Amino acid sequence: MGLKIIKQPFTNIANDNFLRSDFSYVDIVENNFYKKMDRRLADYLTFLETGKSIKKTDYAEEDSEYVHVVVKNIRYNQLDINDALFINEEKGEFLSNFRLQKNDIVIAISSNVGASFLYEGESDLNLTLSHYLTRVRVNEAKVLPKYLTYYLNSKLMKQYFRATETGKTQKNLSKWYIRNLP
């Protein structure tokens, strides 16, 4: 197997917000069709927010009506709260402005970067998100949330997420790359 060389002008690197010059980023984002796509997720967004962190003292001693969704709760592109992290009522009410709403799209921005699901309001529990997750809402007159979720979980987008994630051991994704997702 030979070495693949990609020539890039320094201006391309300088124009990137994160000075990305690694092979996967340049190959996927700069040289492939992503650059040719003229629309970005930002054209459809109405809301983008990262979840909130909690402390061990915020955990409930037993099951409660408040669940803090973490990355491990995304399984097979769906919400799986069989192994839920219950939080106490005080913290649950404190986080009430950050609860999941129907048609929120949840995207992992750390660990299993890009894993996502559409929350269709299927739970009676009060769900909030870990700071390793972000939620987005879209203008439903322009794009259906379910369709967008299928797109986010496609092989194509998995390549995009792998190319734009950072970190050696704990992978992370900037909200900038979510907004600029083709």
Protein backbone atom coordinates (compact mmCIF):
# COMPACT_ATOMS: atom_id res chain seq x y z
CA MET A 1 0.00 0.00 0.00
CA GLY A 2 1.49 3.33 -1.06
CA LEU A 3 1.43 6.66 0.66
CA LYS A 4 -1.32 8.99 -0.52
CA ILE A 5 -0.19 12.60 -0.75
CA ILE A 6 -2.70 15.41 -0.71
CA LYS A 7 -1.44 18.86 -1.59
CA GLN A 8 -3.21 21.71 0.19
CA PRO A 9 -2.45 25.42 0.10
CA PHE A 10 -1.78 26.93 3.52
CA THR A 11 -4.71 29.30 2.96
CA ASN A 12 -7.13 26.33 3.20
CA ILE A 13 -5.70 25.43 6.60
CA ALA A 14 -5.65 29.05 7.76
CA ASN A 15 -9.32 29.49 6.78
CA ASP A 16 -10.43 26.57 8.96
CA ASN A 17 -11.61 27.58 12.46
CA PHE A 18 -9.61 24.75 14.03
CA LEU A 19 -6.52 24.76 11.75
CA ARG A 20 -7.23 21.17 10.72
CA SER A 21 -4.58 19.67 8.48
CA ASP A 22 -4.84 15.95 9.20
CA PHE A 23 -5.35 13.53 6.34
CA SER A 24 -8.88 12.37 7.14
CA TYR A 25 -10.19 15.91 7.49
CA VAL A 26 -8.59 17.18 4.30
CA ASP A 27 -9.57 14.08 2.34
CA ILE A 28 -13.20 13.91 3.49
CA VAL A 29 -14.12 17.54 4.03
CA GLU A 30 -11.95 19.49 1.63
CA ASN A 31 -11.49 17.17 -1.35
CA ASN A 32 -14.73 15.20 -1.47
CA PHE A 33 -18.23 16.19 -2.41
CA TYR A 34 -18.86 17.81 1.02
CA LYS A 35 -17.24 20.95 -0.28
CA LYS A 36 -19.56 20.91 -3.30
CA MET A 37 -22.71 20.72 -1.18
CA ASP A 38 -24.04 24.24 -0.91
CA ARG A 39 -26.39 23.76 2.07
CA ARG A 40 -25.37 23.34 5.69
CA LEU A 41 -27.33 22.14 8.70
CA ALA A 42 -27.25 25.74 9.97
CA ASP A 43 -29.67 26.61 7.14
CA TYR A 44 -32.30 24.41 8.82
CA LEU A 45 -31.53 24.90 12.54
CA THR A 46 -33.79 26.78 14.90
CA PHE A 47 -32.04 25.63 18.09
CA LEU A 48 -28.72 24.07 19.13
CA GLU A 49 -27.77 23.43 22.74
CA THR A 50 -25.30 21.28 24.65
CA GLY A 51 -26.49 19.32 27.67
CA LYS A 52 -25.50 20.04 31.26
CA SER A 53 -23.13 18.25 33.58
CA ILE A 54 -24.19 16.82 36.91
CA LYS A 55 -22.33 15.65 40.01
CA LYS A 56 -22.52 12.32 41.81
CA THR A 57 -24.50 14.06 44.59
CA ASP A 58 -27.24 14.76 41.99
CA TYR A 59 -27.93 11.04 41.50
CA ALA A 60 -31.20 9.71 42.91
CA GLU A 61 -30.95 6.92 45.47
CA GLU A 62 -33.74 5.05 43.68
CA ASP A 63 -35.74 5.36 40.46
CA SER A 64 -37.28 8.78 39.97
CA GLU A 65 -39.17 10.66 37.27
CA TYR A 66 -35.96 12.47 36.26
CA VAL A 67 -33.44 10.84 33.94
CA HIS A 68 -30.14 12.29 32.77
CA VAL A 69 -29.48 10.86 29.29
CA VAL A 70 -25.85 9.96 28.58
CA VAL A 71 -24.06 8.66 25.48
CA LYS A 72 -24.55 5.00 26.47
CA ASN A 73 -28.33 5.58 26.21
CA ILE A 74 -28.03 5.89 22.42
CA ARG A 75 -28.30 2.38 21.03
CA TYR A 76 -28.99 1.49 17.43
CA ASN A 77 -29.95 5.11 16.68
CA GLN A 78 -32.64 5.12 19.34
CA LEU A 79 -33.05 6.24 22.93
CA ASP A 80 -32.57 3.30 25.32
CA ILE A 81 -33.24 4.16 28.95
CA ASN A 82 -33.24 0.60 30.30
CA ASP A 83 -30.02 1.47 32.14
CA ALA A 84 -31.11 4.99 33.10
CA LEU A 85 -29.18 7.45 35.24
CA PHE A 86 -31.84 8.78 37.62
CA ILE A 87 -31.28 12.16 39.22
CA ASN A 88 -32.89 13.61 42.31
CA GLU A 89 -35.93 15.89 42.14
CA GLU A 90 -33.98 19.02 43.11
CA LYS A 91 -31.54 18.68 40.21
CA GLY A 92 -34.30 17.50 37.88
CA GLU A 93 -36.30 20.67 38.53
CA PHE A 94 -33.17 22.82 38.29
CA LEU A 95 -32.63 21.41 34.79
CA SER A 96 -36.29 21.83 33.75
CA ASN A 97 -35.40 24.37 31.02
CA PHE A 98 -33.12 21.76 29.45
CA ARG A 99 -35.60 18.89 29.12
CA LEU A 100 -35.97 17.03 25.87
CA GLN A 101 -38.97 18.04 23.81
CA LYS A 102 -40.77 16.17 21.08
CA ASN A 103 -38.81 16.19 17.77
CA ASP A 104 -35.51 17.13 19.41
CA ILE A 105 -32.60 15.46 17.63
CA VAL A 106 -29.88 14.33 20.02
CA ILE A 107 -26.28 14.00 18.80
CA ALA A 108 -23.33 12.63 20.78
CA ILE A 109 -20.45 15.15 20.79
CA SER A 110 -18.10 13.05 22.89
CA SER A 111 -17.14 9.38 23.03
CA ASN A 112 -19.34 7.78 20.32
CA VAL A 113 -19.27 10.97 18.25
CA GLY A 114 -22.17 11.42 15.85
CA ALA A 115 -24.46 8.77 17.35
CA SER A 116 -27.92 10.30 17.21
CA PHE A 117 -31.62 9.70 17.66
CA LEU A 118 -34.90 11.53 17.29
CA TYR A 119 -36.87 12.00 20.49
CA GLU A 120 -40.51 11.55 19.58
CA GLY A 121 -41.88 12.18 23.07
CA GLU A 122 -42.16 8.47 23.83
CA SER A 123 -41.23 8.71 27.53
CA ASP A 124 -43.26 9.90 30.52
CA LEU A 125 -40.00 10.67 32.33
CA ASN A 126 -38.37 14.10 32.46
CA LEU A 127 -35.26 13.69 30.30
CA THR A 128 -32.25 16.00 30.36
CA LEU A 129 -28.97 15.61 28.51
CA SER A 130 -25.42 15.09 29.63
CA HIS A 131 -22.83 17.65 28.52
CA TYR A 132 -21.53 14.96 26.14
CA LEU A 133 -24.70 15.34 24.08
CA THR A 134 -26.27 18.16 22.13
CA ARG A 135 -29.81 18.64 20.94
CA VAL A 136 -30.95 20.38 17.82
CA ARG A 137 -34.28 21.51 16.50
CA VAL A 138 -34.94 22.21 12.87
CA ASN A 139 -37.44 24.21 10.90
CA GLU A 140 -39.92 21.44 10.12
CA ALA A 141 -41.24 23.37 7.11
CA LYS A 142 -37.80 22.86 5.52
CA VAL A 143 -36.78 19.38 6.72
CA LEU A 144 -38.44 16.53 8.59
CA PRO A 145 -36.61 15.69 11.83
CA LYS A 146 -36.97 11.94 11.21
CA TYR A 147 -35.45 12.27 7.73
CA LEU A 148 -32.56 14.33 9.13
CA THR A 149 -31.95 11.69 11.81
CA TYR A 150 -31.69 8.99 9.15
CA TYR A 151 -29.21 11.19 7.31
CA LEU A 152 -27.15 11.79 10.49
CA ASN A 153 -26.90 8.02 11.03
CA SER A 154 -25.91 7.25 7.44
CA LYS A 155 -22.52 5.88 6.42
CA LEU A 156 -21.82 9.20 4.73
CA MET A 157 -22.28 11.21 7.93
CA LYS A 158 -20.32 8.69 9.99
CA GLN A 159 -17.37 9.48 7.70
CA TYR A 160 -17.93 13.19 8.25
CA PHE A 161 -18.07 12.79 12.05
CA ARG A 162 -14.91 10.64 12.06
CA ALA A 163 -13.09 13.23 9.96
CA THR A 164 -14.14 16.19 12.15
CA GLU A 165 -13.79 14.67 15.61
CA THR A 166 -10.78 15.61 17.69
CA GLY A 167 -8.92 13.98 20.56
CA LYS A 168 -6.67 10.96 20.85
CA THR A 169 -8.45 8.85 23.46
CA GLN A 170 -11.70 10.70 24.17
CA LYS A 171 -13.17 11.80 20.86
CA ASN A 172 -15.02 15.13 20.79
CA LEU A 173 -16.99 17.10 18.25
CA SER A 174 -17.35 20.86 18.20
CA LYS A 175 -20.80 22.39 17.72
CA TRP A 176 -19.19 24.36 14.88
CA TYR A 177 -18.89 21.12 12.88
CA ILE A 178 -22.53 20.29 13.62
CA ARG A 179 -23.70 23.70 12.36
CA ASN A 180 -21.55 23.35 9.23
CA LEU A 181 -22.51 19.76 8.53
CA PRO A 182 -23.28 19.43 4.82
